[in-house]
Amino acid sequence: MVAAYAYARTGYHRGLDALRRAGWRGQGPIPAAHQPNQGFLRALLALAEAAAAIGEQDEADRCRQFLLDSGTSADEVAGLRAS
């Protein structure tokens, strides 16, 4: 599970860098319906799940709150996995 955490963390940071290059300023919506955002949002959810699995509940909670603050939810992002 530590490997899953490491992969998710890398995806999260790469996605965050891409969002910032695209003009996102660190707050506000990250629409799940916008395809270029979906990789970042999936990485963020994977990070939340992996953090919870290795006992890092504070980080898992922060990641889930980040999803909510971005205008989406864990359930909405989980639905992207099927597509």
N, C-alpha and C. Protein backbone atom coordinates (compact mmCIF):
# COMPACT_ATOMS: atom_id res chain seq x y z
N MET A 1 0.82 -1.20 0.00
CA MET A 1 0.00 0.00 0.00
C MET A 1 0.87 1.27 0.00
N VAL A 2 2.09 1.16 0.51
CA VAL A 2 2.98 2.32 0.51
C VAL A 2 3.32 2.71 -0.93
N ALA A 3 3.45 1.73 -1.81
CA ALA A 3 3.73 2.04 -3.22
C ALA A 3 2.55 2.80 -3.83
N ALA A 4 1.34 2.39 -3.52
CA ALA A 4 0.15 3.09 -4.03
C ALA A 4 0.14 4.53 -3.53
N TYR A 5 0.50 4.73 -2.28
CA TYR A 5 0.58 6.08 -1.71
C TYR A 5 1.61 6.91 -2.48
N ALA A 6 2.77 6.33 -2.73
CA ALA A 6 3.84 7.06 -3.44
C ALA A 6 3.40 7.43 -4.86
N TYR A 7 2.78 6.51 -5.56
CA TYR A 7 2.30 6.80 -6.92
C TYR A 7 1.23 7.89 -6.90
N ALA A 8 0.30 7.80 -5.96
CA ALA A 8 -0.77 8.79 -5.88
C ALA A 8 -0.20 10.16 -5.53
N ARG A 9 0.77 10.20 -4.65
CA ARG A 9 1.38 11.47 -4.25
C ARG A 9 2.08 12.11 -5.44
N THR A 10 2.78 11.31 -6.23
CA THR A 10 3.44 11.83 -7.42
C THR A 10 2.42 12.38 -8.41
N GLY A 11 1.34 11.63 -8.65
CA GLY A 11 0.29 12.10 -9.55
C GLY A 11 -0.35 13.39 -9.06
N TYR A 12 -0.56 13.47 -7.76
CA TYR A 12 -1.12 14.68 -7.15
C TYR A 12 -0.22 15.88 -7.42
N HIS A 13 1.07 15.75 -7.16
CA HIS A 13 1.99 16.88 -7.34
C HIS A 13 2.13 17.27 -8.81
N ARG A 14 2.22 16.29 -9.68
CA ARG A 14 2.30 16.60 -11.13
C ARG A 14 1.03 17.30 -11.60
N GLY A 15 -0.12 16.82 -11.13
CA GLY A 15 -1.39 17.43 -11.50
C GLY A 15 -1.54 18.83 -10.96
N LEU A 16 -1.09 19.04 -9.73
CA LEU A 16 -1.13 20.37 -9.13
C LEU A 16 -0.26 21.34 -9.93
N ASP A 17 0.91 20.89 -10.33
CA ASP A 17 1.78 21.72 -11.17
C ASP A 17 1.09 22.09 -12.48
N ALA A 18 0.42 21.13 -13.10
CA ALA A 18 -0.27 21.38 -14.36
C ALA A 18 -1.41 22.38 -14.17
N LEU A 19 -2.16 22.25 -13.08
CA LEU A 19 -3.24 23.20 -12.80
C LEU A 19 -2.69 24.62 -12.65
N ARG A 20 -1.60 24.73 -11.94
CA ARG A 20 -1.00 26.06 -11.74
C ARG A 20 -0.48 26.64 -13.05
N ARG A 21 0.12 25.80 -13.88
CA ARG A 21 0.58 26.29 -15.20
C ARG A 21 -0.59 26.76 -16.04
N ALA A 22 -1.76 26.16 -15.83
CA ALA A 22 -2.96 26.53 -16.59
C ALA A 22 -3.67 27.75 -16.01
N GLY A 23 -3.13 28.28 -14.90
CA GLY A 23 -3.68 29.52 -14.36
C GLY A 23 -4.44 29.40 -13.06
N TRP A 24 -4.61 28.19 -12.53
CA TRP A 24 -5.30 28.03 -11.25
C TRP A 24 -4.43 28.62 -10.16
N ARG A 25 -5.01 29.40 -9.26
CA ARG A 25 -4.25 30.13 -8.25
C ARG A 25 -4.27 29.52 -6.86
N GLY A 26 -4.64 28.27 -6.74
CA GLY A 26 -4.58 27.61 -5.45
C GLY A 26 -5.88 27.59 -4.68
N GLN A 27 -6.92 28.12 -5.26
CA GLN A 27 -8.24 28.05 -4.63
C GLN A 27 -9.29 28.18 -5.71
N GLY A 28 -10.48 27.75 -5.35
CA GLY A 28 -11.57 27.83 -6.31
C GLY A 28 -11.86 26.50 -6.95
N PRO A 29 -12.84 26.50 -7.82
CA PRO A 29 -13.32 25.23 -8.38
C PRO A 29 -12.31 24.57 -9.33
N ILE A 30 -12.35 23.26 -9.31
CA ILE A 30 -11.63 22.42 -10.26
C ILE A 30 -12.68 21.45 -10.81
N PRO A 31 -13.42 21.89 -11.82
CA PRO A 31 -14.57 21.09 -12.28
C PRO A 31 -14.20 19.69 -12.75
N ALA A 32 -14.88 18.71 -12.21
CA ALA A 32 -14.65 17.32 -12.60
C ALA A 32 -15.11 17.06 -14.03
N ALA A 33 -16.04 17.84 -14.52
CA ALA A 33 -16.54 17.65 -15.89
C ALA A 33 -15.51 18.08 -16.94
N HIS A 34 -14.54 18.88 -16.54
CA HIS A 34 -13.50 19.35 -17.46
C HIS A 34 -12.42 18.26 -17.54
N GLN A 35 -12.34 17.58 -18.66
CA GLN A 35 -11.48 16.40 -18.82
C GLN A 35 -10.03 16.65 -18.37
N PRO A 36 -9.39 17.78 -18.69
CA PRO A 36 -8.01 17.96 -18.23
C PRO A 36 -7.84 17.96 -16.71
N ASN A 37 -8.90 18.18 -15.95
CA ASN A 37 -8.82 18.17 -14.48
C ASN A 37 -8.95 16.77 -13.90
N GLN A 38 -9.44 15.84 -14.68
CA GLN A 38 -9.81 14.54 -14.13
C GLN A 38 -8.63 13.73 -13.61
N GLY A 39 -7.50 13.80 -14.25
CA GLY A 39 -6.32 13.07 -13.77
C GLY A 39 -5.90 13.55 -12.39
N PHE A 40 -5.87 14.86 -12.22
CA PHE A 40 -5.52 15.42 -10.91
C PHE A 40 -6.52 14.99 -9.85
N LEU A 41 -7.80 15.09 -10.17
CA LEU A 41 -8.83 14.74 -9.19
C LEU A 41 -8.78 13.26 -8.83
N ARG A 42 -8.53 12.40 -9.81
CA ARG A 42 -8.40 10.97 -9.51
C ARG A 42 -7.17 10.70 -8.65
N ALA A 43 -6.06 11.40 -8.92
CA ALA A 43 -4.86 11.25 -8.10
C ALA A 43 -5.12 11.72 -6.67
N LEU A 44 -5.86 12.81 -6.52
CA LEU A 44 -6.19 13.32 -5.20
C LEU A 44 -7.04 12.31 -4.42
N LEU A 45 -8.01 11.71 -5.07
CA LEU A 45 -8.82 10.69 -4.42
C LEU A 45 -7.97 9.46 -4.08
N ALA A 46 -7.12 9.04 -5.00
CA ALA A 46 -6.24 7.89 -4.74
C ALA A 46 -5.32 8.19 -3.56
N LEU A 47 -4.84 9.42 -3.45
CA LEU A 47 -4.00 9.81 -2.33
C LEU A 47 -4.79 9.74 -1.03
N ALA A 48 -6.02 10.20 -1.03
CA ALA A 48 -6.86 10.12 0.17
C ALA A 48 -7.06 8.67 0.59
N GLU A 49 -7.35 7.82 -0.37
CA GLU A 49 -7.59 6.41 -0.06
C GLU A 49 -6.32 5.71 0.43
N ALA A 50 -5.20 5.98 -0.23
CA ALA A 50 -3.94 5.34 0.17
C ALA A 50 -3.48 5.86 1.53
N ALA A 51 -3.66 7.15 1.78
CA ALA A 51 -3.28 7.71 3.08
C ALA A 51 -4.10 7.05 4.19
N ALA A 52 -5.38 6.89 3.97
CA ALA A 52 -6.23 6.22 4.97
C ALA A 52 -5.78 4.79 5.20
N ALA A 53 -5.40 4.10 4.12
CA ALA A 53 -5.00 2.70 4.22
C ALA A 53 -3.70 2.51 5.01
N ILE A 54 -2.83 3.52 5.01
CA ILE A 54 -1.58 3.39 5.77
C ILE A 54 -1.64 4.12 7.10
N GLY A 55 -2.83 4.54 7.48
CA GLY A 55 -3.01 5.15 8.80
C GLY A 55 -2.76 6.63 8.88
N GLU A 56 -2.65 7.31 7.75
CA GLU A 56 -2.45 8.76 7.73
C GLU A 56 -3.81 9.44 7.58
N GLN A 57 -4.64 9.32 8.60
CA GLN A 57 -6.01 9.81 8.52
C GLN A 57 -6.09 11.33 8.36
N ASP A 58 -5.18 12.08 8.98
CA ASP A 58 -5.20 13.54 8.82
C ASP A 58 -5.02 13.92 7.36
N GLU A 59 -4.08 13.26 6.68
CA GLU A 59 -3.87 13.55 5.26
C GLU A 59 -5.07 13.11 4.43
N ALA A 60 -5.62 11.97 4.74
CA ALA A 60 -6.81 11.49 4.02
C ALA A 60 -7.94 12.51 4.16
N ASP A 61 -8.13 13.03 5.36
CA ASP A 61 -9.18 14.03 5.59
C ASP A 61 -8.89 15.32 4.82
N ARG A 62 -7.64 15.76 4.80
CA ARG A 62 -7.27 16.97 4.05
C ARG A 62 -7.55 16.79 2.56
N CYS A 63 -7.23 15.63 2.03
CA CYS A 63 -7.46 15.37 0.60
C CYS A 63 -8.96 15.38 0.29
N ARG A 64 -9.75 14.77 1.12
CA ARG A 64 -11.20 14.76 0.89
C ARG A 64 -11.78 16.17 1.02
N GLN A 65 -11.24 16.96 1.95
CA GLN A 65 -11.70 18.34 2.08
C GLN A 65 -11.29 19.15 0.85
N PHE A 66 -10.11 18.87 0.31
CA PHE A 66 -9.64 19.54 -0.90
C PHE A 66 -10.61 19.26 -2.04
N LEU A 67 -11.08 18.02 -2.16
CA LEU A 67 -12.07 17.69 -3.18
C LEU A 67 -13.33 18.53 -3.00
N LEU A 68 -13.82 18.60 -1.78
CA LEU A 68 -15.02 19.41 -1.51
C LEU A 68 -14.79 20.88 -1.81
N ASP A 69 -13.64 21.40 -1.39
CA ASP A 69 -13.31 22.81 -1.63
C ASP A 69 -13.16 23.10 -3.12
N SER A 70 -12.88 22.06 -3.89
CA SER A 70 -12.72 22.21 -5.34
C SER A 70 -14.04 22.12 -6.09
N GLY A 71 -15.11 21.89 -5.34
CA GLY A 71 -16.42 21.84 -5.97
C GLY A 71 -16.84 20.47 -6.42
N THR A 72 -16.20 19.44 -5.90
CA THR A 72 -16.55 18.07 -6.26
C THR A 72 -16.58 17.22 -4.99
N SER A 73 -16.69 15.95 -5.14
CA SER A 73 -16.72 15.05 -3.99
C SER A 73 -15.99 13.77 -4.34
N ALA A 74 -15.69 12.98 -3.31
CA ALA A 74 -15.06 11.70 -3.53
C ALA A 74 -15.95 10.81 -4.41
N ASP A 75 -17.26 10.84 -4.17
CA ASP A 75 -18.17 10.02 -4.97
C ASP A 75 -18.16 10.42 -6.44
N GLU A 76 -18.18 11.73 -6.71
CA GLU A 76 -18.15 12.19 -8.11
C GLU A 76 -16.86 11.77 -8.79
N VAL A 77 -15.75 11.93 -8.11
CA VAL A 77 -14.46 11.56 -8.71
C VAL A 77 -14.37 10.05 -8.86
N ALA A 78 -14.87 9.29 -7.91
CA ALA A 78 -14.87 7.83 -8.04
C ALA A 78 -15.65 7.40 -9.28
N GLY A 79 -16.70 8.15 -9.62
CA GLY A 79 -17.47 7.86 -10.82
C GLY A 79 -16.67 8.05 -12.10
N LEU A 80 -15.61 8.83 -12.05
CA LEU A 80 -14.76 9.04 -13.22
C LEU A 80 -13.95 7.78 -13.56
N ARG A 81 -13.75 6.94 -12.57
CA ARG A 81 -12.95 5.72 -12.79
C ARG A 81 -13.60 4.79 -13.80
N ALA A 82 -14.91 4.83 -13.87
CA ALA A 82 -15.63 3.95 -14.80
C ALA A 82 -15.55 4.46 -16.22
N SER A 83 -15.22 5.75 -16.37
CA SER A 83 -15.19 6.31 -17.73
C SER A 83 -13.82 6.31 -18.34
